[in-house]
Structures are given as structure tokens and as C-alpha cells.
Amino acid sequence: MKNKYYELLNKILLSGQEQKNKKGDIKYLLNEVLSMNLVDVLKIITEHPIAKKKLSKELELYCSGITSVKNYNDAGITWWDYCAPEMINTYPTYFKKLPALIEKINKEKRPSKNYMLFIGETGVETSQLPCLSLFQFQISNGKLYITVYQRSADSNLGLPSDIYHAFLISRMIDIPLANITFFIGNAHIYTNNIETTEKLLHGEKVKFNLNV
């Protein structure tokens, strides 16, 4: 059985609607839910090629509030180059609040509380409107449940990275992970990546085009 992420890619290919987009035409599905237990998550991050070292460093830079694109370049991260020289009101602006929130969760561990990290702000200048909108952390029966609300998912490049970031965040919390669920407003594949996606699902090694 394919992992749940590959099942979503296949669903977009088979059932997605077509739309014109200034970054490139897409096939898309609205309001998709990707719910994964720990086994599902580990299956995705072991079966799918993910730049784990770079993404781990990226999250570290986010949480430090680093906005200079040069710092990301120095870590071998080049996908933010179009925002150079500074990342304005995007992920580092909001993720710098995450360490304090995780410290609070680890200290309190309150099942009755919804711990929230809001990502983004309405009406501000931004070099990249964050695709992620909210992380919600809940504790039930001694287990951690992470819910991620995502307005838009480039399902080839962005989504697996977001899944890995969510997994890394779960490892910072001293509670066993039960589930990570993504609610995705618009899950899409750019048409210039469709053929490559088909090859991926047939077990071939591929490289996707970044549309910015």
C-alpha cells in the first residue's frame, strides 16, 4: 500500500480540477484532509526523498527568527532566494514564537488546553504569504495530537517538507506522538510537475520544478 502522502498525490492526478495560476497552471483539490499516525509519518519520511538535514536547519533558523536569506544560503538552502535579501513577515516572523510555546507545553502538559501557533497576519507586506496558517497542539490520554491548518500546498515540494517540519516539532515535545493531521485548503500539483509526479508514483527517482 502506498503511503498516505502518495495516496494524496495520486488523488490529485486522478480527480483534480484544472486552474490557471500566475505561477503556472495547476491541478487541485479543495479541503483535503491528510491524517497520519506515527507509523504513517515515519513511512512517508523514509519512503519519500526529503532534504532532512536542510529542513532541520531551516526550522532552527525559523525558530531563531533569522530573516536574512544569506543565512539560509550558508546552510545550503536556496529555495528562498526569490525573497532575497530578507524574508519579510513570513515563517521566521512567526516561528520565533514556537520555542516559548513548546516550553510552555512541556511545563504544563494540560489536556484541557489547546496550544496554538498562529502563522501569518492579515494585510501586512510579506515576501511570501505563509502556506501554513496554524499549528494546534492537543493532549489526550497522555498522547500528543498536532493539527496543521494549511491554506495552500504545493504538494510536490512544500507538503512533504511541512510534514517533516511537523514531525521535528513533535520531537521537541515531551509527550508521545499519536497523530498529525493536515487540513489543506488547496492541495495542488503544478502541471509542469505532473509527468514527474507520475514517475515518482511508479518508483522512479525524480526532481521537481519550483514554481515561484
C-alpha atoms as a PDB file:
ATOM      1  CA  MET A   1       0.000   0.000   0.000  1.00  0.00           C
ATOM      2  CA  LYS A   2       1.292   3.468  -0.862  1.00  0.00           C
ATOM      3  CA  ASN A   3       1.939   5.859   1.986  1.00  0.00           C
ATOM      4  CA  LYS A   4      -0.785   8.414   2.674  1.00  0.00           C
ATOM      5  CA  TYR A   5       1.138  11.253   1.072  1.00  0.00           C
ATOM      6  CA  TYR A   6       1.469   9.324  -2.189  1.00  0.00           C
ATOM      7  CA  GLU A   7      -2.232   8.473  -1.988  1.00  0.00           C
ATOM      8  CA  LEU A   8      -2.978  12.217  -1.917  1.00  0.00           C
ATOM      9  CA  LEU A   9      -0.710  12.868  -4.917  1.00  0.00           C
ATOM     10  CA  ASN A  10      -2.470  10.111  -6.838  1.00  0.00           C
ATOM     11  CA  LYS A  11      -5.879  11.506  -5.896  1.00  0.00           C
ATOM     12  CA  ILE A  12      -4.918  14.950  -7.221  1.00  0.00           C
ATOM     13  CA  LEU A  13      -3.730  13.413 -10.501  1.00  0.00           C
ATOM     14  CA  LEU A  14      -6.924  11.394 -10.916  1.00  0.00           C
ATOM     15  CA  SER A  15      -9.567  13.806  -9.628  1.00  0.00           C
ATOM     16  CA  GLY A  16      -8.014  17.279  -9.556  1.00  0.00           C
ATOM     17  CA  GLN A  17      -9.612  20.221 -11.316  1.00  0.00           C
ATOM     18  CA  GLU A  18      -7.564  22.471 -13.593  1.00  0.00           C
ATOM     19  CA  GLN A  19      -6.885  26.118 -12.884  1.00  0.00           C
ATOM     20  CA  LYS A  20      -4.849  28.954 -14.396  1.00  0.00           C
ATOM     21  CA  ASN A  21      -2.311  30.376 -11.965  1.00  0.00           C
ATOM     22  CA  LYS A  22       0.202  33.205 -12.298  1.00  0.00           C
ATOM     23  CA  LYS A  23       2.961  30.865 -11.059  1.00  0.00           C
ATOM     24  CA  GLY A  24       1.883  28.153 -13.510  1.00  0.00           C
ATOM     25  CA  ASP A  25      -1.253  26.116 -14.213  1.00  0.00           C
ATOM     26  CA  ILE A  26      -2.274  23.573 -11.577  1.00  0.00           C
ATOM     27  CA  LYS A  27      -4.416  20.537 -10.884  1.00  0.00           C
ATOM     28  CA  TYR A  28      -6.027  20.972  -7.482  1.00  0.00           C
ATOM     29  CA  LEU A  29      -8.390  19.612  -4.873  1.00  0.00           C
ATOM     30  CA  LEU A  30     -10.111  21.692  -2.207  1.00  0.00           C
ATOM     31  CA  ASN A  31     -10.353  20.941   1.521  1.00  0.00           C
ATOM     32  CA  GLU A  32      -8.289  17.787   1.691  1.00  0.00           C
ATOM     33  CA  VAL A  33      -7.503  16.039   4.986  1.00  0.00           C
ATOM     34  CA  LEU A  34      -4.256  14.156   5.497  1.00  0.00           C
ATOM     35  CA  SER A  35      -4.377  12.355   8.859  1.00  0.00           C
ATOM     36  CA  MET A  36      -1.339  10.331   9.913  1.00  0.00           C
ATOM     37  CA  ASN A  37      -0.415   8.301  12.958  1.00  0.00           C
ATOM     38  CA  LEU A  38       3.244   7.920  13.887  1.00  0.00           C
ATOM     39  CA  VAL A  39       3.670   4.844  11.678  1.00  0.00           C
ATOM     40  CA  ASP A  40       2.183   6.751   8.718  1.00  0.00           C
ATOM     41  CA  VAL A  41       4.519   9.707   9.279  1.00  0.00           C
ATOM     42  CA  LEU A  42       7.604   7.514   9.541  1.00  0.00           C
ATOM     43  CA  LYS A  43       6.559   5.678   6.388  1.00  0.00           C
ATOM     44  CA  ILE A  44       6.354   8.963   4.481  1.00  0.00           C
ATOM     45  CA  ILE A  45       9.671  10.381   5.659  1.00  0.00           C
ATOM     46  CA  THR A  46      11.511   7.124   4.981  1.00  0.00           C
ATOM     47  CA  GLU A  47       9.929   6.323   1.603  1.00  0.00           C
ATOM     48  CA  HIS A  48       9.941   9.833   0.138  1.00  0.00           C
ATOM     49  CA  PRO A  49      13.213  11.693  -0.555  1.00  0.00           C
ATOM     50  CA  ILE A  50      13.252  14.614   1.881  1.00  0.00           C
ATOM     51  CA  ALA A  51      16.171  17.000   2.464  1.00  0.00           C
ATOM     52  CA  LYS A  52      16.147  16.202   6.178  1.00  0.00           C
ATOM     53  CA  LYS A  53      19.398  17.936   7.130  1.00  0.00           C
ATOM     54  CA  LYS A  54      18.485  21.166   5.319  1.00  0.00           C
ATOM     55  CA  LEU A  55      14.912  21.170   6.638  1.00  0.00           C
ATOM     56  CA  SER A  56      16.140  20.608  10.181  1.00  0.00           C
ATOM     57  CA  LYS A  57      18.484  23.596   9.826  1.00  0.00           C
ATOM     58  CA  GLU A  58      15.691  25.624   8.209  1.00  0.00           C
ATOM     59  CA  LEU A  59      13.410  25.029  11.189  1.00  0.00           C
ATOM     60  CA  GLU A  60      16.243  26.004  13.519  1.00  0.00           C
ATOM     61  CA  LEU A  61      16.704  29.281  11.624  1.00  0.00           C
ATOM     62  CA  TYR A  62      12.944  29.914  11.632  1.00  0.00           C
ATOM     63  CA  CYS A  63      12.761  29.424  15.385  1.00  0.00           C
ATOM     64  CA  SER A  64      15.682  31.819  15.852  1.00  0.00           C
ATOM     65  CA  GLY A  65      13.815  34.468  13.864  1.00  0.00           C
ATOM     66  CA  ILE A  66      16.540  34.637  11.194  1.00  0.00           C
ATOM     67  CA  THR A  67      15.233  36.559   8.178  1.00  0.00           C
ATOM     68  CA  SER A  68      18.417  37.012   6.119  1.00  0.00           C
ATOM     69  CA  VAL A  69      18.309  34.775   3.038  1.00  0.00           C
ATOM     70  CA  LYS A  70      22.124  34.645   3.150  1.00  0.00           C
ATOM     71  CA  ASN A  71      21.950  32.660   6.398  1.00  0.00           C
ATOM     72  CA  TYR A  72      19.774  30.097   4.656  1.00  0.00           C
ATOM     73  CA  ASN A  73      22.162  30.012   1.687  1.00  0.00           C
ATOM     74  CA  ASP A  74      25.044  29.382   4.080  1.00  0.00           C
ATOM     75  CA  ALA A  75      23.159  26.269   5.226  1.00  0.00           C
ATOM     76  CA  GLY A  76      22.736  25.118   1.615  1.00  0.00           C
ATOM     77  CA  ILE A  77      19.091  26.264   1.482  1.00  0.00           C
ATOM     78  CA  THR A  78      18.406  28.038  -1.811  1.00  0.00           C
ATOM     79  CA  TRP A  79      14.629  27.812  -2.203  1.00  0.00           C
ATOM     80  CA  TRP A  80      14.140  31.204  -0.507  1.00  0.00           C
ATOM     81  CA  ASP A  81      16.448  33.046  -2.923  1.00  0.00           C
ATOM     82  CA  TYR A  82      13.495  34.789  -4.599  1.00  0.00           C
ATOM     83  CA  CYS A  83      12.851  36.566  -1.279  1.00  0.00           C
ATOM     84  CA  ALA A  84      16.408  37.957  -1.101  1.00  0.00           C
ATOM     85  CA  PRO A  85      17.814  39.730   0.754  1.00  0.00           C
ATOM     86  CA  GLU A  86      15.256  39.469   3.594  1.00  0.00           C
ATOM     87  CA  MET A  87      12.266  37.243   4.363  1.00  0.00           C
ATOM     88  CA  ILE A  88       9.610  39.799   5.309  1.00  0.00           C
ATOM     89  CA  ASN A  89       6.673  38.761   7.533  1.00  0.00           C
ATOM     90  CA  THR A  90       6.906  35.100   6.656  1.00  0.00           C
ATOM     91  CA  TYR A  91       7.916  31.952   8.548  1.00  0.00           C
ATOM     92  CA  PRO A  92      10.746  33.306  10.783  1.00  0.00           C
ATOM     93  CA  THR A  93       8.497  36.150  11.965  1.00  0.00           C
ATOM     94  CA  TYR A  94       6.022  33.681  13.422  1.00  0.00           C
ATOM     95  CA  PHE A  95       8.093  30.569  14.176  1.00  0.00           C
ATOM     96  CA  LYS A  96      10.347  32.545  16.524  1.00  0.00           C
ATOM     97  CA  LYS A  97       7.418  32.252  18.968  1.00  0.00           C
ATOM     98  CA  LEU A  98       7.481  28.442  18.776  1.00  0.00           C
ATOM     99  CA  PRO A  99      10.291  27.710  21.309  1.00  0.00           C
ATOM    100  CA  ALA A 100       8.464  29.581  24.082  1.00  0.00           C
ATOM    101  CA  LEU A 101       5.220  27.798  23.205  1.00  0.00           C
ATOM    102  CA  ILE A 102       6.910  24.381  23.305  1.00  0.00           C
ATOM    103  CA  GLU A 103       8.490  25.252  26.655  1.00  0.00           C
ATOM    104  CA  LYS A 104       5.006  26.135  27.934  1.00  0.00           C
ATOM    105  CA  ILE A 105       3.539  22.850  26.640  1.00  0.00           C
ATOM    106  CA  ASN A 106       6.320  20.797  28.218  1.00  0.00           C
ATOM    107  CA  LYS A 107       5.882  22.606  31.522  1.00  0.00           C
ATOM    108  CA  GLU A 108       2.085  22.490  31.724  1.00  0.00           C
ATOM    109  CA  LYS A 109       1.028  19.433  29.690  1.00  0.00           C
ATOM    110  CA  ARG A 110      -2.617  20.420  30.147  1.00  0.00           C
ATOM    111  CA  PRO A 111      -5.120  18.144  28.396  1.00  0.00           C
ATOM    112  CA  SER A 112      -7.802  20.810  28.743  1.00  0.00           C
ATOM    113  CA  LYS A 113      -5.812  23.441  26.818  1.00  0.00           C
ATOM    114  CA  ASN A 114      -5.423  23.980  23.074  1.00  0.00           C
ATOM    115  CA  TYR A 115      -1.921  25.327  22.449  1.00  0.00           C
ATOM    116  CA  MET A 116      -1.809  27.421  19.267  1.00  0.00           C
ATOM    117  CA  LEU A 117       0.857  28.872  16.995  1.00  0.00           C
ATOM    118  CA  PHE A 118      -0.667  31.328  14.519  1.00  0.00           C
ATOM    119  CA  ILE A 119       1.295  31.804  11.302  1.00  0.00           C
ATOM    120  CA  GLY A 120       0.567  34.944   9.313  1.00  0.00           C
ATOM    121  CA  GLU A 121      -1.218  38.247   9.640  1.00  0.00           C
ATOM    122  CA  THR A 122      -3.870  39.897   7.515  1.00  0.00           C
ATOM    123  CA  GLY A 123      -2.941  42.879   5.396  1.00  0.00           C
ATOM    124  CA  VAL A 124       0.814  43.075   6.032  1.00  0.00           C
ATOM    125  CA  GLU A 125       3.600  43.349   3.482  1.00  0.00           C
ATOM    126  CA  THR A 126       5.196  39.952   3.006  1.00  0.00           C
ATOM    127  CA  SER A 127       7.826  38.459   0.724  1.00  0.00           C
ATOM    128  CA  GLN A 128       5.932  35.150   0.867  1.00  0.00           C
ATOM    129  CA  LEU A 129       2.471  34.674   2.323  1.00  0.00           C
ATOM    130  CA  PRO A 130       2.926  31.592   4.552  1.00  0.00           C
ATOM    131  CA  CYS A 131       1.257  28.475   3.164  1.00  0.00           C
ATOM    132  CA  LEU A 132       0.796  27.229   6.723  1.00  0.00           C
ATOM    133  CA  SER A 133      -1.710  29.120   8.839  1.00  0.00           C
ATOM    134  CA  LEU A 134      -1.860  27.430  12.233  1.00  0.00           C
ATOM    135  CA  PHE A 135      -0.330  24.711  14.388  1.00  0.00           C
ATOM    136  CA  GLN A 136      -2.593  23.368  17.118  1.00  0.00           C
ATOM    137  CA  PHE A 137      -1.241  21.097  19.872  1.00  0.00           C
ATOM    138  CA  GLN A 138      -3.610  18.992  21.980  1.00  0.00           C
ATOM    139  CA  ILE A 139      -3.035  16.341  24.622  1.00  0.00           C
ATOM    140  CA  SER A 140      -5.435  13.436  25.024  1.00  0.00           C
ATOM    141  CA  ASN A 141      -4.909  10.317  27.130  1.00  0.00           C
ATOM    142  CA  GLY A 142      -1.248  11.147  27.521  1.00  0.00           C
ATOM    143  CA  LYS A 143      -0.661  11.425  23.772  1.00  0.00           C
ATOM    144  CA  LEU A 144       0.123  14.412  21.540  1.00  0.00           C
ATOM    145  CA  TYR A 145      -2.133  15.388  18.648  1.00  0.00           C
ATOM    146  CA  ILE A 146      -0.889  18.010  16.198  1.00  0.00           C
ATOM    147  CA  THR A 147      -3.311  19.709  13.826  1.00  0.00           C
ATOM    148  CA  VAL A 148      -1.960  21.827  10.986  1.00  0.00           C
ATOM    149  CA  TYR A 149      -4.164  24.199   9.004  1.00  0.00           C
ATOM    150  CA  GLN A 150      -2.673  24.913   5.586  1.00  0.00           C
ATOM    151  CA  ARG A 151      -4.207  27.413   3.147  1.00  0.00           C
ATOM    152  CA  SER A 152      -2.247  26.119   0.148  1.00  0.00           C
ATOM    153  CA  ALA A 153       0.038  23.142  -0.501  1.00  0.00           C
ATOM    154  CA  ASP A 154       2.444  22.711  -3.391  1.00  0.00           C
ATOM    155  CA  SER A 155       2.002  19.004  -2.917  1.00  0.00           C
ATOM    156  CA  ASN A 156       5.231  18.009  -4.662  1.00  0.00           C
ATOM    157  CA  LEU A 157       7.732  20.244  -2.890  1.00  0.00           C
ATOM    158  CA  GLY A 158       6.146  22.110   0.010  1.00  0.00           C
ATOM    159  CA  LEU A 159       3.901  19.485   1.571  1.00  0.00           C
ATOM    160  CA  PRO A 160       6.492  16.760   2.346  1.00  0.00           C
ATOM    161  CA  SER A 161       8.709  19.457   3.849  1.00  0.00           C
ATOM    162  CA  ASP A 162       5.818  20.676   6.002  1.00  0.00           C
ATOM    163  CA  ILE A 163       5.126  17.121   7.157  1.00  0.00           C
ATOM    164  CA  TYR A 164       8.764  16.705   8.139  1.00  0.00           C
ATOM    165  CA  HIS A 165       8.772  20.036   9.998  1.00  0.00           C
ATOM    166  CA  ALA A 166       5.656  18.949  11.914  1.00  0.00           C
ATOM    167  CA  PHE A 167       7.411  15.695  12.812  1.00  0.00           C
ATOM    168  CA  LEU A 168      10.508  17.578  14.008  1.00  0.00           C
ATOM    169  CA  ILE A 169       8.327  19.849  16.132  1.00  0.00           C
ATOM    170  CA  SER A 170       6.632  16.820  17.670  1.00  0.00           C
ATOM    171  CA  ARG A 171      10.069  15.557  18.776  1.00  0.00           C
ATOM    172  CA  MET A 172      10.603  18.771  20.765  1.00  0.00           C
ATOM    173  CA  ILE A 173       7.578  17.986  22.926  1.00  0.00           C
ATOM    174  CA  ASP A 174       7.940  15.530  25.800  1.00  0.00           C
ATOM    175  CA  ILE A 175       4.718  13.692  25.009  1.00  0.00           C
ATOM    176  CA  PRO A 176       4.381  10.608  22.747  1.00  0.00           C
ATOM    177  CA  LEU A 177       3.014  11.492  19.318  1.00  0.00           C
ATOM    178  CA  ALA A 178      -0.346   9.954  18.426  1.00  0.00           C
ATOM    179  CA  ASN A 179      -1.330  11.812  15.273  1.00  0.00           C
ATOM    180  CA  ILE A 180      -0.522  14.655  12.865  1.00  0.00           C
ATOM    181  CA  THR A 181      -3.436  15.893  10.754  1.00  0.00           C
ATOM    182  CA  PHE A 182      -3.193  18.434   7.940  1.00  0.00           C
ATOM    183  CA  PHE A 183      -6.314  20.304   6.818  1.00  0.00           C
ATOM    184  CA  ILE A 184      -5.375  21.672   3.379  1.00  0.00           C
ATOM    185  CA  GLY A 185      -7.493  24.366   1.734  1.00  0.00           C
ATOM    186  CA  ASN A 186      -5.949  23.895  -1.719  1.00  0.00           C
ATOM    187  CA  ALA A 187      -3.798  20.826  -2.454  1.00  0.00           C
ATOM    188  CA  HIS A 188      -2.264  21.158  -5.891  1.00  0.00           C
ATOM    189  CA  ILE A 189       0.307  19.933  -8.381  1.00  0.00           C
ATOM    190  CA  TYR A 190       1.717  22.298 -10.996  1.00  0.00           C
ATOM    191  CA  THR A 191       1.128  20.957 -14.482  1.00  0.00           C
ATOM    192  CA  ASN A 192       4.831  21.135 -15.306  1.00  0.00           C
ATOM    193  CA  ASN A 193       5.341  18.581 -12.495  1.00  0.00           C
ATOM    194  CA  ILE A 194       2.540  16.169 -13.429  1.00  0.00           C
ATOM    195  CA  GLU A 195       4.638  13.816 -15.551  1.00  0.00           C
ATOM    196  CA  THR A 196       7.348  13.822 -12.882  1.00  0.00           C
ATOM    197  CA  THR A 197       4.757  13.017 -10.208  1.00  0.00           C
ATOM    198  CA  GLU A 198       3.568  10.032 -12.221  1.00  0.00           C
ATOM    199  CA  LYS A 199       7.167   8.797 -12.424  1.00  0.00           C
ATOM    200  CA  LEU A 200       7.566   9.238  -8.652  1.00  0.00           C
ATOM    201  CA  LEU A 201       4.480   7.126  -8.002  1.00  0.00           C
ATOM    202  CA  HIS A 202       5.960   4.418 -10.233  1.00  0.00           C
ATOM    203  CA  GLY A 203       9.058   4.279  -8.058  1.00  0.00           C
ATOM    204  CA  GLU A 204      11.429   6.418 -10.144  1.00  0.00           C
ATOM    205  CA  LYS A 205      13.845   8.966  -8.701  1.00  0.00           C
ATOM    206  CA  VAL A 206      12.741  12.438  -9.754  1.00  0.00           C
ATOM    207  CA  LYS A 207      13.366  16.155  -9.262  1.00  0.00           C
ATOM    208  CA  PHE A 208      10.518  18.657  -9.259  1.00  0.00           C
ATOM    209  CA  ASN A 209      10.456  22.208 -10.631  1.00  0.00           C
ATOM    210  CA  LEU A 210       9.979  25.007  -8.127  1.00  0.00           C
ATOM    211  CA  ASN A 211       7.234  27.450  -9.195  1.00  0.00           C
ATOM    212  CA  VAL A 212       7.571  30.891  -7.614  1.00  0.00           C
END
